[in-house]
């Protein structure tokens, strides 16, 4: 057990580390390492352009022209959309380009490989993007408990984002 002087030294060192991490932008990482990340507010100050790109990533049995028809039926500009609908292409998609790029508004995820270029140490690229600063909003397209792109979940997700005035 430490005496009060030793404890004060430990507190001073910890305080210096927290101040330095805050100043250098690594506070979240430090607190995660110490198991204290739950004390941070999870809302990001990073904001994207409301009229930015909508990226759709994941294997889709729904044809591109059908998805584009849904986009048109919702009066959205098809040029706002970027698609990566082939399973193998999802492995090498440049996910990093989405980070701190305000021209990307939201990413809609369907099924994709767990082993992708952008997952780093996370269990999936979705987890990576949700847990790191600077990525656009993430939405998953689900059917039951599985990631799946369907006509109905694609349309309903876009309708919800329009209703929220997000896109």
C-alpha atoms as a PDB file:
ATOM      1  CA  UNK A   1       0.000   0.000   0.000  1.00  0.00           C
ATOM      2  CA  UNK A   2       1.283   3.470  -0.919  1.00  0.00           C
ATOM      3  CA  UNK A   3       1.680   6.245   1.595  1.00  0.00           C
ATOM      4  CA  UNK A   4       0.017   9.592   0.902  1.00  0.00           C
ATOM      5  CA  UNK A   5       3.167  11.122  -0.668  1.00  0.00           C
ATOM      6  CA  UNK A   6       3.657   8.193  -3.034  1.00  0.00           C
ATOM      7  CA  UNK A   7      -0.025   8.285  -3.933  1.00  0.00           C
ATOM      8  CA  UNK A   8       0.205  12.018  -4.731  1.00  0.00           C
ATOM      9  CA  UNK A   9       3.158  11.274  -7.056  1.00  0.00           C
ATOM     10  CA  UNK A  10       1.110   8.630  -8.873  1.00  0.00           C
ATOM     11  CA  UNK A  11      -1.837  11.022  -9.197  1.00  0.00           C
ATOM     12  CA  UNK A  12       0.467  13.749 -10.575  1.00  0.00           C
ATOM     13  CA  UNK A  13       1.918  11.377 -13.186  1.00  0.00           C
ATOM     14  CA  UNK A  14      -1.533  10.183 -14.231  1.00  0.00           C
ATOM     15  CA  UNK A  15      -2.768  13.785 -14.462  1.00  0.00           C
ATOM     16  CA  UNK A  16       0.209  14.723 -16.675  1.00  0.00           C
ATOM     17  CA  UNK A  17      -0.494  11.744 -18.959  1.00  0.00           C
ATOM     18  CA  UNK A  18      -4.188  12.674 -19.260  1.00  0.00           C
ATOM     19  CA  UNK A  19      -3.391  16.327 -20.015  1.00  0.00           C
ATOM     20  CA  UNK A  20      -0.819  15.355 -22.654  1.00  0.00           C
ATOM     21  CA  UNK A  21      -3.181  12.830 -24.257  1.00  0.00           C
ATOM     22  CA  UNK A  22      -5.956  15.420 -24.347  1.00  0.00           C
ATOM     23  CA  UNK A  23      -3.627  17.978 -25.924  1.00  0.00           C
ATOM     24  CA  UNK A  24      -2.378  15.524 -28.573  1.00  0.00           C
ATOM     25  CA  UNK A  25      -5.807  14.094 -29.382  1.00  0.00           C
ATOM     26  CA  UNK A  26      -5.106  10.627 -27.975  1.00  0.00           C
ATOM     27  CA  UNK A  27      -7.205  10.846 -24.810  1.00  0.00           C
ATOM     28  CA  UNK A  28      -9.846   8.416 -26.058  1.00  0.00           C
ATOM     29  CA  UNK A  29      -7.176   5.807 -26.852  1.00  0.00           C
ATOM     30  CA  UNK A  30      -5.520   6.282 -23.453  1.00  0.00           C
ATOM     31  CA  UNK A  31      -8.814   5.940 -21.591  1.00  0.00           C
ATOM     32  CA  UNK A  32      -9.691   2.850 -23.645  1.00  0.00           C
ATOM     33  CA  UNK A  33      -6.344   1.339 -22.689  1.00  0.00           C
ATOM     34  CA  UNK A  34      -7.125   2.002 -19.031  1.00  0.00           C
ATOM     35  CA  UNK A  35     -10.681   0.674 -19.374  1.00  0.00           C
ATOM     36  CA  UNK A  36     -12.183   4.107 -18.699  1.00  0.00           C
ATOM     37  CA  UNK A  37     -13.577   4.980 -22.132  1.00  0.00           C
ATOM     38  CA  UNK A  38     -17.124   4.745 -20.771  1.00  0.00           C
ATOM     39  CA  UNK A  39     -16.681   8.161 -19.138  1.00  0.00           C
ATOM     40  CA  UNK A  40     -16.371   9.892 -22.504  1.00  0.00           C
ATOM     41  CA  UNK A  41     -19.401  11.228 -24.343  1.00  0.00           C
ATOM     42  CA  UNK A  42     -19.776   9.118 -27.495  1.00  0.00           C
ATOM     43  CA  UNK A  43     -21.206  11.864 -29.678  1.00  0.00           C
ATOM     44  CA  UNK A  44     -18.771  12.918 -32.338  1.00  0.00           C
ATOM     45  CA  UNK A  45     -18.124  16.556 -33.117  1.00  0.00           C
ATOM     46  CA  UNK A  46     -17.250  15.524 -36.673  1.00  0.00           C
ATOM     47  CA  UNK A  47     -19.981  16.449 -39.135  1.00  0.00           C
ATOM     48  CA  UNK A  48     -20.425  15.578 -42.801  1.00  0.00           C
ATOM     49  CA  UNK A  49     -22.129  17.471 -45.626  1.00  0.00           C
ATOM     50  CA  UNK A  50     -25.877  16.857 -45.708  1.00  0.00           C
ATOM     51  CA  UNK A  51     -25.756  16.474 -49.489  1.00  0.00           C
ATOM     52  CA  UNK A  52     -22.713  14.171 -49.359  1.00  0.00           C
ATOM     53  CA  UNK A  53     -22.342  10.731 -50.914  1.00  0.00           C
ATOM     54  CA  UNK A  54     -24.320   7.716 -49.785  1.00  0.00           C
ATOM     55  CA  UNK A  55     -22.171   4.597 -50.029  1.00  0.00           C
ATOM     56  CA  UNK A  56     -23.738   1.149 -50.320  1.00  0.00           C
ATOM     57  CA  UNK A  57     -21.322  -1.682 -49.525  1.00  0.00           C
ATOM     58  CA  UNK A  58     -22.052  -5.398 -49.439  1.00  0.00           C
ATOM     59  CA  UNK A  59     -23.016  -8.400 -51.516  1.00  0.00           C
ATOM     60  CA  UNK A  60     -26.398  -7.790 -53.077  1.00  0.00           C
ATOM     61  CA  UNK A  61     -28.769 -10.110 -54.893  1.00  0.00           C
ATOM     62  CA  UNK A  62     -30.790  -7.010 -55.749  1.00  0.00           C
ATOM     63  CA  UNK A  63     -29.608  -5.687 -59.096  1.00  0.00           C
ATOM     64  CA  UNK A  64     -28.043  -2.234 -59.315  1.00  0.00           C
ATOM     65  CA  UNK A  65     -30.749  -0.951 -61.674  1.00  0.00           C
ATOM     66  CA  UNK A  66     -33.438  -1.961 -59.113  1.00  0.00           C
ATOM     67  CA  UNK A  67     -31.605  -0.055 -56.342  1.00  0.00           C
ATOM     68  CA  UNK A  68     -31.309   2.924 -58.684  1.00  0.00           C
ATOM     69  CA  UNK A  69     -35.053   2.707 -59.367  1.00  0.00           C
ATOM     70  CA  UNK A  70     -35.699   2.942 -55.625  1.00  0.00           C
ATOM     71  CA  UNK A  71     -33.377   5.954 -55.455  1.00  0.00           C
ATOM     72  CA  UNK A  72     -35.297   7.616 -58.295  1.00  0.00           C
ATOM     73  CA  UNK A  73     -38.675   6.799 -56.684  1.00  0.00           C
ATOM     74  CA  UNK A  74     -37.515   8.644 -53.554  1.00  0.00           C
ATOM     75  CA  UNK A  75     -36.440  11.679 -55.647  1.00  0.00           C
ATOM     76  CA  UNK A  76     -32.809  11.290 -54.623  1.00  0.00           C
ATOM     77  CA  UNK A  77     -29.996  12.160 -56.995  1.00  0.00           C
ATOM     78  CA  UNK A  78     -28.403   8.934 -58.265  1.00  0.00           C
ATOM     79  CA  UNK A  79     -25.042  10.732 -58.505  1.00  0.00           C
ATOM     80  CA  UNK A  80     -24.949  10.914 -54.701  1.00  0.00           C
ATOM     81  CA  UNK A  81     -24.617   7.130 -54.526  1.00  0.00           C
ATOM     82  CA  UNK A  82     -21.499   5.008 -54.655  1.00  0.00           C
ATOM     83  CA  UNK A  83     -21.904   1.234 -54.826  1.00  0.00           C
ATOM     84  CA  UNK A  84     -19.640  -1.671 -53.957  1.00  0.00           C
ATOM     85  CA  UNK A  85     -21.942  -4.667 -54.364  1.00  0.00           C
ATOM     86  CA  UNK A  86     -19.543  -7.508 -55.166  1.00  0.00           C
ATOM     87  CA  UNK A  87     -18.393  -9.615 -52.226  1.00  0.00           C
ATOM     88  CA  UNK A  88     -14.754  -9.767 -53.394  1.00  0.00           C
ATOM     89  CA  UNK A  89     -14.621  -6.017 -54.065  1.00  0.00           C
ATOM     90  CA  UNK A  90     -15.685  -5.409 -50.458  1.00  0.00           C
ATOM     91  CA  UNK A  91     -12.424  -7.051 -49.303  1.00  0.00           C
ATOM     92  CA  UNK A  92     -10.279  -4.401 -50.959  1.00  0.00           C
ATOM     93  CA  UNK A  93     -12.574  -1.363 -50.895  1.00  0.00           C
ATOM     94  CA  UNK A  94     -10.685   1.728 -49.699  1.00  0.00           C
ATOM     95  CA  UNK A  95     -12.566   2.269 -46.422  1.00  0.00           C
ATOM     96  CA  UNK A  96      -9.932   4.738 -45.227  1.00  0.00           C
ATOM     97  CA  UNK A  97     -11.042   7.229 -47.894  1.00  0.00           C
ATOM     98  CA  UNK A  98     -14.302   7.630 -45.964  1.00  0.00           C
ATOM     99  CA  UNK A  99     -12.565   8.849 -42.794  1.00  0.00           C
ATOM    100  CA  UNK A 100     -12.509  12.626 -42.324  1.00  0.00           C
ATOM    101  CA  UNK A 101     -14.036  13.131 -45.749  1.00  0.00           C
ATOM    102  CA  UNK A 102     -17.069  15.375 -45.239  1.00  0.00           C
ATOM    103  CA  UNK A 103     -18.300  14.589 -48.757  1.00  0.00           C
ATOM    104  CA  UNK A 104     -19.428  11.145 -47.555  1.00  0.00           C
ATOM    105  CA  UNK A 105     -22.694  11.356 -45.584  1.00  0.00           C
ATOM    106  CA  UNK A 106     -23.695   7.790 -44.744  1.00  0.00           C
ATOM    107  CA  UNK A 107     -22.578   4.212 -45.407  1.00  0.00           C
ATOM    108  CA  UNK A 108     -25.196   1.484 -45.817  1.00  0.00           C
ATOM    109  CA  UNK A 109     -23.720  -1.956 -45.118  1.00  0.00           C
ATOM    110  CA  UNK A 110     -24.962  -5.294 -46.361  1.00  0.00           C
ATOM    111  CA  UNK A 111     -23.098  -8.613 -46.062  1.00  0.00           C
ATOM    112  CA  UNK A 112     -19.349  -8.425 -46.510  1.00  0.00           C
ATOM    113  CA  UNK A 113     -16.304 -10.509 -45.611  1.00  0.00           C
ATOM    114  CA  UNK A 114     -14.988 -10.250 -42.056  1.00  0.00           C
ATOM    115  CA  UNK A 115     -11.488  -9.991 -43.493  1.00  0.00           C
ATOM    116  CA  UNK A 116     -11.379  -6.620 -45.217  1.00  0.00           C
ATOM    117  CA  UNK A 117      -8.645  -4.079 -45.765  1.00  0.00           C
ATOM    118  CA  UNK A 118     -10.142  -1.515 -43.392  1.00  0.00           C
ATOM    119  CA  UNK A 119     -10.860  -3.509 -40.238  1.00  0.00           C
ATOM    120  CA  UNK A 120      -7.435  -3.095 -38.600  1.00  0.00           C
ATOM    121  CA  UNK A 121      -7.598  -4.734 -35.128  1.00  0.00           C
ATOM    122  CA  UNK A 122     -11.414  -4.646 -34.977  1.00  0.00           C
ATOM    123  CA  UNK A 123     -13.638  -7.667 -35.537  1.00  0.00           C
ATOM    124  CA  UNK A 124     -15.064  -6.100 -38.726  1.00  0.00           C
ATOM    125  CA  UNK A 125     -14.807  -2.944 -40.779  1.00  0.00           C
ATOM    126  CA  UNK A 126     -18.266  -1.954 -39.499  1.00  0.00           C
ATOM    127  CA  UNK A 127     -17.033  -2.144 -35.894  1.00  0.00           C
ATOM    128  CA  UNK A 128     -13.877  -0.251 -36.872  1.00  0.00           C
ATOM    129  CA  UNK A 129     -15.835   2.569 -38.500  1.00  0.00           C
ATOM    130  CA  UNK A 130     -18.361   2.814 -35.656  1.00  0.00           C
ATOM    131  CA  UNK A 131     -15.640   2.980 -33.016  1.00  0.00           C
ATOM    132  CA  UNK A 132     -13.286   5.465 -34.680  1.00  0.00           C
ATOM    133  CA  UNK A 133     -13.707   9.210 -35.100  1.00  0.00           C
ATOM    134  CA  UNK A 134     -14.223  10.840 -38.462  1.00  0.00           C
ATOM    135  CA  UNK A 135     -16.316   8.274 -40.303  1.00  0.00           C
ATOM    136  CA  UNK A 136     -19.731   9.025 -41.754  1.00  0.00           C
ATOM    137  CA  UNK A 137     -22.844   7.606 -40.144  1.00  0.00           C
ATOM    138  CA  UNK A 138     -23.113   3.821 -40.426  1.00  0.00           C
ATOM    139  CA  UNK A 139     -26.375   2.006 -41.129  1.00  0.00           C
ATOM    140  CA  UNK A 140     -26.675  -1.768 -41.467  1.00  0.00           C
ATOM    141  CA  UNK A 141     -29.188  -3.340 -43.816  1.00  0.00           C
ATOM    142  CA  UNK A 142     -30.626  -6.384 -42.065  1.00  0.00           C
ATOM    143  CA  UNK A 143     -33.108  -9.108 -42.850  1.00  0.00           C
ATOM    144  CA  UNK A 144     -33.837 -10.963 -39.634  1.00  0.00           C
ATOM    145  CA  UNK A 145     -30.568 -11.164 -37.722  1.00  0.00           C
ATOM    146  CA  UNK A 146     -28.376 -11.172 -40.841  1.00  0.00           C
ATOM    147  CA  UNK A 147     -26.839  -8.443 -42.912  1.00  0.00           C
ATOM    148  CA  UNK A 148     -28.683  -8.492 -46.221  1.00  0.00           C
ATOM    149  CA  UNK A 149     -29.540  -5.917 -48.865  1.00  0.00           C
ATOM    150  CA  UNK A 150     -33.187  -6.204 -49.861  1.00  0.00           C
ATOM    151  CA  UNK A 151     -35.415  -3.856 -51.805  1.00  0.00           C
ATOM    152  CA  UNK A 152     -37.532  -3.204 -48.725  1.00  0.00           C
ATOM    153  CA  UNK A 153     -34.737  -2.537 -46.192  1.00  0.00           C
ATOM    154  CA  UNK A 154     -32.840  -0.376 -48.708  1.00  0.00           C
ATOM    155  CA  UNK A 155     -35.962   1.719 -49.351  1.00  0.00           C
ATOM    156  CA  UNK A 156     -37.054   1.920 -45.708  1.00  0.00           C
ATOM    157  CA  UNK A 157     -33.568   2.956 -44.553  1.00  0.00           C
ATOM    158  CA  UNK A 158     -33.443   5.725 -47.148  1.00  0.00           C
ATOM    159  CA  UNK A 159     -36.986   6.815 -46.232  1.00  0.00           C
ATOM    160  CA  UNK A 160     -36.024   6.972 -42.560  1.00  0.00           C
ATOM    161  CA  UNK A 161     -32.902   9.027 -43.344  1.00  0.00           C
ATOM    162  CA  UNK A 162     -35.027  11.406 -45.448  1.00  0.00           C
ATOM    163  CA  UNK A 163     -37.631  11.658 -42.654  1.00  0.00           C
ATOM    164  CA  UNK A 164     -34.860  12.448 -40.149  1.00  0.00           C
ATOM    165  CA  UNK A 165     -33.751  15.155 -42.591  1.00  0.00           C
ATOM    166  CA  UNK A 166     -30.326  13.512 -42.608  1.00  0.00           C
ATOM    167  CA  UNK A 167     -30.032  13.062 -46.368  1.00  0.00           C
END
